[in-house]
Amino acid sequence: SDTCLGGRWSFDDVPMKPLRTVMIVPADGINVIMDKLKDYLS
């Protein structure tokens, strides 16, 4: 990622290192995740 969406990534001028995070989540945990999302986003 030489140009990450048109610019170097930095937050508060701290340079960031781009990664990809791979995760495997059990499908039966989705409802709990949705509830947490609701709380977080509302």
PDB file of all heavy atoms in Angstrom:
ATOM      1  N   SER A   1       0.837  -1.204   0.000  1.00  0.00           N
ATOM      2  CA  SER A   1       0.000   0.000   0.000  1.00  0.00           C
ATOM      3  C   SER A   1       0.866   1.247   0.000  1.00  0.00           C
ATOM      4  O   SER A   1       1.023   1.890   1.021  1.00  0.00           O
ATOM      5  CB  SER A   1      -0.902  -0.004   1.227  1.00  0.00           C
ATOM      6  OG  SER A   1      -0.136  -0.277   2.369  1.00  0.00           O
ATOM      7  N   ASP A   2       1.450   1.524  -1.153  1.00  0.00           N
ATOM      8  CA  ASP A   2       2.319   2.703  -1.251  1.00  0.00           C
ATOM      9  C   ASP A   2       1.528   3.983  -0.973  1.00  0.00           C
ATOM     10  O   ASP A   2       1.946   4.852  -0.234  1.00  0.00           O
ATOM     11  CB  ASP A   2       3.004   2.766  -2.615  1.00  0.00           C
ATOM     12  CG  ASP A   2       2.185   2.103  -3.702  1.00  0.00           C
ATOM     13  OD1 ASP A   2       0.957   1.958  -3.520  1.00  0.00           O
ATOM     14  OD2 ASP A   2       2.755   1.746  -4.733  1.00  0.00           O
ATOM     15  N   THR A   3       0.331   4.077  -1.566  1.00  0.00           N
ATOM     16  CA  THR A   3      -0.522   5.202  -1.194  1.00  0.00           C
ATOM     17  C   THR A   3      -1.802   4.599  -0.689  1.00  0.00           C
ATOM     18  O   THR A   3      -2.545   3.981  -1.428  1.00  0.00           O
ATOM     19  CB  THR A   3      -0.868   6.078  -2.417  1.00  0.00           C
ATOM     20  OG1 THR A   3      -1.478   5.235  -3.387  1.00  0.00           O
ATOM     21  CG2 THR A   3       0.344   6.727  -2.993  1.00  0.00           C
ATOM     22  N   CYS A   4      -2.023   4.765   0.597  1.00  0.00           N
ATOM     23  CA  CYS A   4      -3.222   4.180   1.182  1.00  0.00           C
ATOM     24  C   CYS A   4      -4.371   5.136   0.955  1.00  0.00           C
ATOM     25  O   CYS A   4      -4.522   6.120   1.664  1.00  0.00           O
ATOM     26  CB  CYS A   4      -2.977   3.946   2.660  1.00  0.00           C
ATOM     27  SG  CYS A   4      -3.615   2.396   3.187  1.00  0.00           S
ATOM     28  N   LEU A   5      -5.159   4.889  -0.067  1.00  0.00           N
ATOM     29  CA  LEU A   5      -6.279   5.779  -0.384  1.00  0.00           C
ATOM     30  C   LEU A   5      -5.828   7.218  -0.495  1.00  0.00           C
ATOM     31  O   LEU A   5      -6.375   8.088   0.156  1.00  0.00           O
ATOM     32  CB  LEU A   5      -7.347   5.690   0.707  1.00  0.00           C
ATOM     33  CG  LEU A   5      -7.992   4.348   0.909  1.00  0.00           C
ATOM     34  CD1 LEU A   5      -9.077   4.463   1.953  1.00  0.00           C
ATOM     35  CD2 LEU A   5      -8.599   3.874  -0.383  1.00  0.00           C
ATOM     36  N   GLY A   6      -4.789   7.444  -1.265  1.00  0.00           N
ATOM     37  CA  GLY A   6      -4.405   8.815  -1.562  1.00  0.00           C
ATOM     38  C   GLY A   6      -3.690   9.526  -0.429  1.00  0.00           C
ATOM     39  O   GLY A   6      -3.845  10.714  -0.241  1.00  0.00           O
ATOM     40  N   GLY A   7      -2.851   8.831   0.308  1.00  0.00           N
ATOM     41  CA  GLY A   7      -2.057   9.550   1.308  1.00  0.00           C
ATOM     42  C   GLY A   7      -1.472   8.603   2.318  1.00  0.00           C
ATOM     43  O   GLY A   7      -1.908   7.481   2.445  1.00  0.00           O
ATOM     44  N   ARG A   8      -0.458   9.040   3.013  1.00  0.00           N
ATOM     45  CA  ARG A   8       0.094   8.225   4.088  1.00  0.00           C
ATOM     46  C   ARG A   8      -0.919   8.174   5.201  1.00  0.00           C
ATOM     47  O   ARG A   8      -1.567   9.166   5.497  1.00  0.00           O
ATOM     48  CB  ARG A   8       1.396   8.843   4.647  1.00  0.00           C
ATOM     49  CG  ARG A   8       2.492   9.023   3.654  1.00  0.00           C
ATOM     50  CD  ARG A   8       3.011   7.746   3.022  1.00  0.00           C
ATOM     51  NE  ARG A   8       3.137   6.631   3.939  1.00  0.00           N
ATOM     52  CZ  ARG A   8       2.953   5.366   3.561  1.00  0.00           C
ATOM     53  NH1 ARG A   8       2.616   5.080   2.324  1.00  0.00           N
ATOM     54  NH2 ARG A   8       3.081   4.407   4.439  1.00  0.00           N
ATOM     55  N   TRP A   9      -1.013   7.060   5.854  1.00  0.00           N
ATOM     56  CA  TRP A   9      -1.920   6.958   6.972  1.00  0.00           C
ATOM     57  C   TRP A   9      -1.291   7.574   8.191  1.00  0.00           C
ATOM     58  O   TRP A   9      -0.217   7.171   8.594  1.00  0.00           O
ATOM     59  CB  TRP A   9      -2.195   5.495   7.278  1.00  0.00           C
ATOM     60  CG  TRP A   9      -3.397   5.053   6.579  1.00  0.00           C
ATOM     61  CD1 TRP A   9      -3.456   4.264   5.472  1.00  0.00           C
ATOM     62  CD2 TRP A   9      -4.730   5.403   6.900  1.00  0.00           C
ATOM     63  NE1 TRP A   9      -4.753   4.102   5.094  1.00  0.00           N
ATOM     64  CE2 TRP A   9      -5.547   4.775   5.948  1.00  0.00           C
ATOM     65  CE3 TRP A   9      -5.319   6.170   7.891  1.00  0.00           C
ATOM     66  CZ2 TRP A   9      -6.935   4.902   5.964  1.00  0.00           C
ATOM     67  CZ3 TRP A   9      -6.684   6.300   7.916  1.00  0.00           C
ATOM     68  CH2 TRP A   9      -7.480   5.659   6.951  1.00  0.00           C
ATOM     69  N   SER A  10      -1.940   8.549   8.787  1.00  0.00           N
ATOM     70  CA  SER A  10      -1.468   8.988  10.090  1.00  0.00           C
ATOM     71  C   SER A  10      -2.636   9.518  10.895  1.00  0.00           C
ATOM     72  O   SER A  10      -3.572  10.092  10.359  1.00  0.00           O
ATOM     73  CB  SER A  10      -0.387  10.048   9.949  1.00  0.00           C
ATOM     74  OG  SER A  10      -0.886  11.173   9.286  1.00  0.00           O
ATOM     75  N   PHE A  11      -2.588   9.249  12.197  1.00  0.00           N
ATOM     76  CA  PHE A  11      -3.586   9.778  13.116  1.00  0.00           C
ATOM     77  C   PHE A  11      -2.844  10.705  14.052  1.00  0.00           C
ATOM     78  O   PHE A  11      -1.834  10.316  14.625  1.00  0.00           O
ATOM     79  CB  PHE A  11      -4.223   8.649  13.942  1.00  0.00           C
ATOM     80  CG  PHE A  11      -5.186   7.820  13.143  1.00  0.00           C
ATOM     81  CD1 PHE A  11      -4.762   6.692  12.473  1.00  0.00           C
ATOM     82  CD2 PHE A  11      -6.517   8.184  13.054  1.00  0.00           C
ATOM     83  CE1 PHE A  11      -5.653   5.923  11.737  1.00  0.00           C
ATOM     84  CE2 PHE A  11      -7.412   7.417  12.316  1.00  0.00           C
ATOM     85  CZ  PHE A  11      -6.975   6.295  11.658  1.00  0.00           C
ATOM     86  N   ASP A  12      -3.317  11.929  14.209  1.00  0.00           N
ATOM     87  CA  ASP A  12      -2.606  12.913  15.030  1.00  0.00           C
ATOM     88  C   ASP A  12      -1.128  12.944  14.662  1.00  0.00           C
ATOM     89  O   ASP A  12      -0.257  12.992  15.535  1.00  0.00           O
ATOM     90  CB  ASP A  12      -2.752  12.576  16.531  1.00  0.00           C
ATOM     91  CG  ASP A  12      -4.210  12.544  16.940  1.00  0.00           C
ATOM     92  OD1 ASP A  12      -4.989  13.289  16.335  1.00  0.00           O
ATOM     93  OD2 ASP A  12      -4.552  11.780  17.855  1.00  0.00           O
ATOM     94  N   ASP A  13      -0.860  12.867  13.384  1.00  0.00           N
ATOM     95  CA  ASP A  13       0.518  12.908  12.878  1.00  0.00           C
ATOM     96  C   ASP A  13       1.409  11.762  13.339  1.00  0.00           C
ATOM     97  O   ASP A  13       2.623  11.839  13.244  1.00  0.00           O
ATOM     98  CB  ASP A  13       1.190  14.247  13.241  1.00  0.00           C
ATOM     99  CG  ASP A  13       0.490  15.390  12.522  1.00  0.00           C
ATOM    100  OD1 ASP A  13      -0.051  15.128  11.425  1.00  0.00           O
ATOM    101  OD2 ASP A  13       0.466  16.509  13.050  1.00  0.00           O
ATOM    102  N   VAL A  14       0.819  10.703  13.849  1.00  0.00           N
ATOM    103  CA  VAL A  14       1.609   9.507  14.153  1.00  0.00           C
ATOM    104  C   VAL A  14       1.500   8.592  12.939  1.00  0.00           C
ATOM    105  O   VAL A  14       0.392   8.235  12.538  1.00  0.00           O
ATOM    106  CB  VAL A  14       1.045   8.769  15.390  1.00  0.00           C
ATOM    107  CG1 VAL A  14       1.853   7.505  15.655  1.00  0.00           C
ATOM    108  CG2 VAL A  14       1.058   9.681  16.595  1.00  0.00           C
ATOM    109  N   PRO A  15       2.640   8.248  12.327  1.00  0.00           N
ATOM    110  CA  PRO A  15       2.545   7.375  11.144  1.00  0.00           C
ATOM    111  C   PRO A  15       2.016   5.988  11.525  1.00  0.00           C
ATOM    112  O   PRO A  15       2.344   5.472  12.588  1.00  0.00           O
ATOM    113  CB  PRO A  15       3.991   7.286  10.637  1.00  0.00           C
ATOM    114  CG  PRO A  15       4.843   7.772  11.736  1.00  0.00           C
ATOM    115  CD  PRO A  15       4.014   8.623  12.649  1.00  0.00           C
ATOM    116  N   MET A  16       1.178   5.452  10.652  1.00  0.00           N
ATOM    117  CA  MET A  16       0.552   4.164  10.942  1.00  0.00           C
ATOM    118  C   MET A  16       1.044   3.100   9.973  1.00  0.00           C
ATOM    119  O   MET A  16       1.363   3.392   8.835  1.00  0.00           O
ATOM    120  CB  MET A  16      -0.966   4.286  10.802  1.00  0.00           C
ATOM    121  CG  MET A  16      -1.606   5.336  11.678  1.00  0.00           C
ATOM    122  SD  MET A  16      -1.260   5.133  13.418  1.00  0.00           S
ATOM    123  CE  MET A  16      -2.422   3.869  13.819  1.00  0.00           C
ATOM    124  N   LYS A  17       1.064   1.885  10.466  1.00  0.00           N
ATOM    125  CA  LYS A  17       1.476   0.763   9.623  1.00  0.00           C
ATOM    126  C   LYS A  17       0.216  -0.010   9.221  1.00  0.00           C
ATOM    127  O   LYS A  17      -0.533  -0.465  10.091  1.00  0.00           O
ATOM    128  CB  LYS A  17       2.414  -0.122  10.444  1.00  0.00           C
ATOM    129  CG  LYS A  17       3.006  -1.278   9.684  1.00  0.00           C
ATOM    130  CD  LYS A  17       4.062  -1.971  10.537  1.00  0.00           C
ATOM    131  CE  LYS A  17       3.435  -3.149  11.263  1.00  0.00           C
ATOM    132  NZ  LYS A  17       4.369  -3.848  12.150  1.00  0.00           N
ATOM    133  N   PRO A  18      -0.053  -0.132   7.913  1.00  0.00           N
ATOM    134  CA  PRO A  18      -1.280  -0.818   7.480  1.00  0.00           C
ATOM    135  C   PRO A  18      -1.171  -2.334   7.594  1.00  0.00           C
ATOM    136  O   PRO A  18      -0.165  -2.923   7.190  1.00  0.00           O
ATOM    137  CB  PRO A  18      -1.420  -0.389   6.014  1.00  0.00           C
ATOM    138  CG  PRO A  18      -0.038  -0.075   5.573  1.00  0.00           C
ATOM    139  CD  PRO A  18       0.727   0.380   6.783  1.00  0.00           C
ATOM    140  N   LEU A  19      -2.207  -2.945   8.133  1.00  0.00           N
ATOM    141  CA  LEU A  19      -2.253  -4.400   8.285  1.00  0.00           C
ATOM    142  C   LEU A  19      -3.566  -4.918   7.728  1.00  0.00           C
ATOM    143  O   LEU A  19      -4.467  -4.143   7.405  1.00  0.00           O
ATOM    144  CB  LEU A  19      -2.221  -4.787   9.778  1.00  0.00           C
ATOM    145  CG  LEU A  19      -1.097  -4.286  10.667  1.00  0.00           C
ATOM    146  CD1 LEU A  19      -1.427  -4.572  12.126  1.00  0.00           C
ATOM    147  CD2 LEU A  19       0.215  -4.943  10.289  1.00  0.00           C
ATOM    148  N   ARG A  20      -3.649  -6.243   7.666  1.00  0.00           N
ATOM    149  CA  ARG A  20      -4.929  -6.894   7.474  1.00  0.00           C
ATOM    150  C   ARG A  20      -5.087  -7.842   8.662  1.00  0.00           C
ATOM    151  O   ARG A  20      -4.138  -8.536   9.036  1.00  0.00           O
ATOM    152  CB  ARG A  20      -4.990  -7.694   6.164  1.00  0.00           C
ATOM    153  CG  ARG A  20      -4.956  -6.827   4.909  1.00  0.00           C
ATOM    154  CD  ARG A  20      -6.216  -5.991   4.762  1.00  0.00           C
ATOM    155  NE  ARG A  20      -6.177  -5.100   3.619  1.00  0.00           N
ATOM    156  CZ  ARG A  20      -5.746  -3.834   3.667  1.00  0.00           C
ATOM    157  NH1 ARG A  20      -5.283  -3.327   4.796  1.00  0.00           N
ATOM    158  NH2 ARG A  20      -5.762  -3.079   2.595  1.00  0.00           N
ATOM    159  N   THR A  21      -6.267  -7.831   9.244  1.00  0.00           N
ATOM    160  CA  THR A  21      -6.536  -8.700  10.379  1.00  0.00           C
ATOM    161  C   THR A  21      -7.547  -9.748   9.945  1.00  0.00           C
ATOM    162  O   THR A  21      -8.636  -9.404   9.494  1.00  0.00           O
ATOM    163  CB  THR A  21      -7.088  -7.876  11.565  1.00  0.00           C
ATOM    164  OG1 THR A  21      -6.074  -6.940  11.964  1.00  0.00           O
ATOM    165  CG2 THR A  21      -7.433  -8.781  12.742  1.00  0.00           C
ATOM    166  N   VAL A  22      -7.132 -11.000  10.039  1.00  0.00           N
ATOM    167  CA  VAL A  22      -7.989 -12.115   9.636  1.00  0.00           C
ATOM    168  C   VAL A  22      -8.652 -12.668  10.885  1.00  0.00           C
ATOM    169  O   VAL A  22      -7.984 -12.847  11.906  1.00  0.00           O
ATOM    170  CB  VAL A  22      -7.136 -13.221   8.967  1.00  0.00           C
ATOM    171  CG1 VAL A  22      -7.990 -14.459   8.674  1.00  0.00           C
ATOM    172  CG2 VAL A  22      -6.501 -12.696   7.685  1.00  0.00           C
ATOM    173  N   MET A  23      -9.948 -12.882  10.839  1.00  0.00           N
ATOM    174  CA  MET A  23     -10.620 -13.493  11.993  1.00  0.00           C
ATOM    175  C   MET A  23     -11.710 -14.453  11.550  1.00  0.00           C
ATOM    176  O   MET A  23     -12.331 -14.266  10.513  1.00  0.00           O
ATOM    177  CB  MET A  23     -11.185 -12.425  12.922  1.00  0.00           C
ATOM    178  CG  MET A  23     -11.792 -11.247  12.246  1.00  0.00           C
ATOM    179  SD  MET A  23     -12.166  -9.937  13.424  1.00  0.00           S
ATOM    180  CE  MET A  23     -11.996  -8.514  12.381  1.00  0.00           C
ATOM    181  N   ILE A  24     -11.890 -15.468  12.355  1.00  0.00           N
ATOM    182  CA  ILE A  24     -12.971 -16.422  12.124  1.00  0.00           C
ATOM    183  C   ILE A  24     -13.913 -16.341  13.320  1.00  0.00           C
ATOM    184  O   ILE A  24     -13.489 -16.502  14.458  1.00  0.00           O
ATOM    185  CB  ILE A  24     -12.428 -17.848  11.933  1.00  0.00           C
ATOM    186  CG1 ILE A  24     -11.568 -17.860  10.670  1.00  0.00           C
ATOM    187  CG2 ILE A  24     -13.576 -18.857  11.897  1.00  0.00           C
ATOM    188  CD1 ILE A  24     -11.711 -19.014   9.747  1.00  0.00           C
ATOM    189  N   VAL A  25     -15.178 -16.034  13.026  1.00  0.00           N
ATOM    190  CA  VAL A  25     -16.159 -15.784  14.068  1.00  0.00           C
ATOM    191  C   VAL A  25     -17.286 -16.807  13.924  1.00  0.00           C
ATOM    192  O   VAL A  25     -17.815 -16.985  12.822  1.00  0.00           O
ATOM    193  CB  VAL A  25     -16.751 -14.355  13.899  1.00  0.00           C
ATOM    194  CG1 VAL A  25     -17.759 -14.048  14.988  1.00  0.00           C
ATOM    195  CG2 VAL A  25     -15.638 -13.317  13.885  1.00  0.00           C
ATOM    196  N   PRO A  26     -17.654 -17.483  15.015  1.00  0.00           N
ATOM    197  CA  PRO A  26     -18.774 -18.440  14.935  1.00  0.00           C
ATOM    198  C   PRO A  26     -20.072 -17.703  14.585  1.00  0.00           C
ATOM    199  O   PRO A  26     -20.358 -16.648  15.158  1.00  0.00           O
ATOM    200  CB  PRO A  26     -18.868 -19.024  16.354  1.00  0.00           C
ATOM    201  CG  PRO A  26     -17.570 -18.674  17.012  1.00  0.00           C
ATOM    202  CD  PRO A  26     -17.070 -17.427  16.365  1.00  0.00           C
ATOM    203  N   ALA A  27     -20.828 -18.268  13.651  1.00  0.00           N
ATOM    204  CA  ALA A  27     -22.058 -17.603  13.200  1.00  0.00           C
ATOM    205  C   ALA A  27     -23.054 -17.425  14.346  1.00  0.00           C
ATOM    206  O   ALA A  27     -23.817 -16.465  14.368  1.00  0.00           O
ATOM    207  CB  ALA A  27     -22.695 -18.400  12.065  1.00  0.00           C
ATOM    208  N   ASP A  28     -23.012 -18.326  15.319  1.00  0.00           N
ATOM    209  CA  ASP A  28     -24.003 -18.193  16.393  1.00  0.00           C
ATOM    210  C   ASP A  28     -23.657 -17.071  17.381  1.00  0.00           C
ATOM    211  O   ASP A  28     -24.419 -16.777  18.296  1.00  0.00           O
ATOM    212  CB  ASP A  28     -24.222 -19.527  17.122  1.00  0.00           C
ATOM    213  CG  ASP A  28     -22.919 -20.109  17.659  1.00  0.00           C
ATOM    214  OD1 ASP A  28     -21.930 -19.353  17.781  1.00  0.00           O
ATOM    215  OD2 ASP A  28     -22.886 -21.313  17.961  1.00  0.00           O
ATOM    216  N   GLY A  29     -22.514 -16.436  17.170  1.00  0.00           N
ATOM    217  CA  GLY A  29     -22.163 -15.291  18.009  1.00  0.00           C
ATOM    218  C   GLY A  29     -22.613 -13.962  17.415  1.00  0.00           C
ATOM    219  O   GLY A  29     -22.432 -12.898  18.007  1.00  0.00           O
ATOM    220  N   ILE A  30     -23.205 -14.025  16.231  1.00  0.00           N
ATOM    221  CA  ILE A  30     -23.536 -12.794  15.501  1.00  0.00           C
ATOM    222  C   ILE A  30     -24.553 -11.928  16.242  1.00  0.00           C
ATOM    223  O   ILE A  30     -24.427 -10.708  16.271  1.00  0.00           O
ATOM    224  CB  ILE A  30     -24.052 -13.137  14.075  1.00  0.00           C
ATOM    225  CG1 ILE A  30     -22.889 -13.593  13.205  1.00  0.00           C
ATOM    226  CG2 ILE A  30     -24.740 -11.940  13.434  1.00  0.00           C
ATOM    227  CD1 ILE A  30     -21.895 -12.530  12.793  1.00  0.00           C
ATOM    228  N   ASN A  31     -25.548 -12.557  16.871  1.00  0.00           N
ATOM    229  CA  ASN A  31     -26.562 -11.742  17.554  1.00  0.00           C
ATOM    230  C   ASN A  31     -25.976 -10.911  18.678  1.00  0.00           C
ATOM    231  O   ASN A  31     -26.348  -9.748  18.875  1.00  0.00           O
ATOM    232  CB  ASN A  31     -27.689 -12.631  18.087  1.00  0.00           C
ATOM    233  CG  ASN A  31     -28.519 -13.193  16.946  1.00  0.00           C
ATOM    234  OD1 ASN A  31     -28.467 -12.669  15.823  1.00  0.00           O
ATOM    235  ND2 ASN A  31     -29.267 -14.253  17.201  1.00  0.00           N
ATOM    236  N   VAL A  32     -25.046 -11.504  19.409  1.00  0.00           N
ATOM    237  CA  VAL A  32     -24.376 -10.769  20.486  1.00  0.00           C
ATOM    238  C   VAL A  32     -23.601  -9.589  19.900  1.00  0.00           C
ATOM    239  O   VAL A  32     -23.634  -8.470  20.429  1.00  0.00           O
ATOM    240  CB  VAL A  32     -23.403 -11.707  21.246  1.00  0.00           C
ATOM    241  CG1 VAL A  32     -22.650 -10.948  22.322  1.00  0.00           C
ATOM    242  CG2 VAL A  32     -24.168 -12.875  21.850  1.00  0.00           C
ATOM    243  N   ILE A  33     -22.929  -9.841  18.779  1.00  0.00           N
ATOM    244  CA  ILE A  33     -22.163  -8.774  18.119  1.00  0.00           C
ATOM    245  C   ILE A  33     -23.100  -7.649  17.672  1.00  0.00           C
ATOM    246  O   ILE A  33     -22.814  -6.468  17.859  1.00  0.00           O
ATOM    247  CB  ILE A  33     -21.363  -9.336  16.918  1.00  0.00           C
ATOM    248  CG1 ILE A  33     -20.300 -10.326  17.410  1.00  0.00           C
ATOM    249  CG2 ILE A  33     -20.708  -8.205  16.116  1.00  0.00           C
ATOM    250  CD1 ILE A  33     -19.593 -11.102  16.319  1.00  0.00           C
ATOM    251  N   MET A  34     -24.249  -8.017  17.112  1.00  0.00           N
ATOM    252  CA  MET A  34     -25.213  -7.013  16.659  1.00  0.00           C
ATOM    253  C   MET A  34     -25.720  -6.154  17.830  1.00  0.00           C
ATOM    254  O   MET A  34     -25.881  -4.944  17.700  1.00  0.00           O
ATOM    255  CB  MET A  34     -26.419  -7.682  15.976  1.00  0.00           C
ATOM    256  CG  MET A  34     -26.098  -8.338  14.648  1.00  0.00           C
ATOM    257  SD  MET A  34     -25.521  -7.167  13.415  1.00  0.00           S
ATOM    258  CE  MET A  34     -24.055  -7.989  12.859  1.00  0.00           C
ATOM    259  N   ASP A  35     -25.953  -6.796  18.970  1.00  0.00           N
ATOM    260  CA  ASP A  35     -26.413  -6.042  20.149  1.00  0.00           C
ATOM    261  C   ASP A  35     -25.350  -5.047  20.602  1.00  0.00           C
ATOM    262  O   ASP A  35     -25.640  -3.913  20.951  1.00  0.00           O
ATOM    263  CB  ASP A  35     -26.759  -6.997  21.292  1.00  0.00           C
ATOM    264  CG  ASP A  35     -28.035  -7.784  20.991  1.00  0.00           C
ATOM    265  OD1 ASP A  35     -28.796  -7.355  20.093  1.00  0.00           O
ATOM    266  OD2 ASP A  35     -28.270  -8.833  21.638  1.00  0.00           O
ATOM    267  N   LYS A  36     -24.090  -5.493  20.592  1.00  0.00           N
ATOM    268  CA  LYS A  36     -23.004  -4.599  20.987  1.00  0.00           C
ATOM    269  C   LYS A  36     -22.889  -3.436  20.020  1.00  0.00           C
ATOM    270  O   LYS A  36     -22.642  -2.292  20.410  1.00  0.00           O
ATOM    271  CB  LYS A  36     -21.678  -5.365  21.024  1.00  0.00           C
ATOM    272  CG  LYS A  36     -21.586  -6.318  22.184  1.00  0.00           C
ATOM    273  CD  LYS A  36     -20.133  -6.638  22.468  1.00  0.00           C
ATOM    274  CE  LYS A  36     -19.993  -7.112  23.908  1.00  0.00           C
ATOM    275  NZ  LYS A  36     -18.619  -7.450  24.245  1.00  0.00           N
ATOM    276  N   LEU A  37     -23.049  -3.751  18.737  1.00  0.00           N
ATOM    277  CA  LEU A  37     -22.995  -2.720  17.706  1.00  0.00           C
ATOM    278  C   LEU A  37     -24.076  -1.673  17.922  1.00  0.00           C
ATOM    279  O   LEU A  37     -23.835  -0.480  17.782  1.00  0.00           O
ATOM    280  CB  LEU A  37     -23.235  -3.370  16.331  1.00  0.00           C
ATOM    281  CG  LEU A  37     -22.025  -3.602  15.445  1.00  0.00           C
ATOM    282  CD1 LEU A  37     -22.487  -4.086  14.091  1.00  0.00           C
ATOM    283  CD2 LEU A  37     -21.221  -2.336  15.297  1.00  0.00           C
ATOM    284  N   LYS A  38     -25.263  -2.171  18.255  1.00  0.00           N
ATOM    285  CA  LYS A  38     -26.388  -1.264  18.501  1.00  0.00           C
ATOM    286  C   LYS A  38     -26.047  -0.275  19.611  1.00  0.00           C
ATOM    287  O   LYS A  38     -26.245   0.922  19.480  1.00  0.00           O
ATOM    288  CB  LYS A  38     -27.623  -2.095  18.922  1.00  0.00           C
ATOM    289  CG  LYS A  38     -28.760  -2.019  17.932  1.00  0.00           C
ATOM    290  CD  LYS A  38     -29.931  -2.896  18.373  1.00  0.00           C
ATOM    291  CE  LYS A  38     -29.846  -4.256  17.692  1.00  0.00           C
ATOM    292  NZ  LYS A  38     -30.904  -5.184  18.068  1.00  0.00           N
ATOM    293  N   ASP A  39     -25.508  -0.819  20.709  1.00  0.00           N
ATOM    294  CA  ASP A  39     -25.143   0.046  21.838  1.00  0.00           C
ATOM    295  C   ASP A  39     -24.069   1.043  21.422  1.00  0.00           C
ATOM    296  O   ASP A  39     -24.102   2.213  21.788  1.00  0.00           O
ATOM    297  CB  ASP A  39     -24.596  -0.790  23.006  1.00  0.00           C
ATOM    298  CG  ASP A  39     -25.678  -1.682  23.595  1.00  0.00           C
ATOM    299  OD1 ASP A  39     -26.871  -1.425  23.289  1.00  0.00           O
ATOM    300  OD2 ASP A  39     -25.347  -2.616  24.329  1.00  0.00           O
ATOM    301  N   TYR A  40     -23.101   0.554  20.667  1.00  0.00           N
ATOM    302  CA  TYR A  40     -21.964   1.382  20.285  1.00  0.00           C
ATOM    303  C   TYR A  40     -22.367   2.514  19.343  1.00  0.00           C
ATOM    304  O   TYR A  40     -21.910   3.636  19.459  1.00  0.00           O
ATOM    305  CB  TYR A  40     -20.913   0.489  19.634  1.00  0.00           C
ATOM    306  CG  TYR A  40     -19.764   1.228  18.992  1.00  0.00           C
ATOM    307  CD1 TYR A  40     -18.790   1.852  19.765  1.00  0.00           C
ATOM    308  CD2 TYR A  40     -19.635   1.263  17.591  1.00  0.00           C
ATOM    309  CE1 TYR A  40     -17.730   2.520  19.174  1.00  0.00           C
ATOM    310  CE2 TYR A  40     -18.586   1.931  17.001  1.00  0.00           C
ATOM    311  CZ  TYR A  40     -17.623   2.548  17.797  1.00  0.00           C
ATOM    312  OH  TYR A  40     -16.567   3.215  17.191  1.00  0.00           O
ATOM    313  N   LEU A  41     -23.273   2.198  18.425  1.00  0.00           N
ATOM    314  CA  LEU A  41     -23.594   3.164  17.380  1.00  0.00           C
ATOM    315  C   LEU A  41     -24.788   4.055  17.687  1.00  0.00           C
ATOM    316  O   LEU A  41     -25.073   4.988  16.969  1.00  0.00           O
ATOM    317  CB  LEU A  41     -23.811   2.454  16.033  1.00  0.00           C
ATOM    318  CG  LEU A  41     -22.547   1.816  15.432  1.00  0.00           C
ATOM    319  CD1 LEU A  41     -22.916   1.009  14.213  1.00  0.00           C
ATOM    320  CD2 LEU A  41     -21.514   2.875  15.054  1.00  0.00           C
ATOM    321  N   SER A  42     -25.534   3.691  18.746  1.00  0.00           N
ATOM    322  CA  SER A  42     -26.716   4.525  18.973  1.00  0.00           C
ATOM    323  C   SER A  42     -26.444   5.586  20.054  1.00  0.00           C
ATOM    324  O   SER A  42     -25.541   5.475  20.830  1.00  0.00           O
ATOM    325  CB  SER A  42     -27.894   3.661  19.375  1.00  0.00           C
ATOM    326  OG  SER A  42     -27.514   2.807  20.429  1.00  0.00           O
TER     327      SER A  42
END
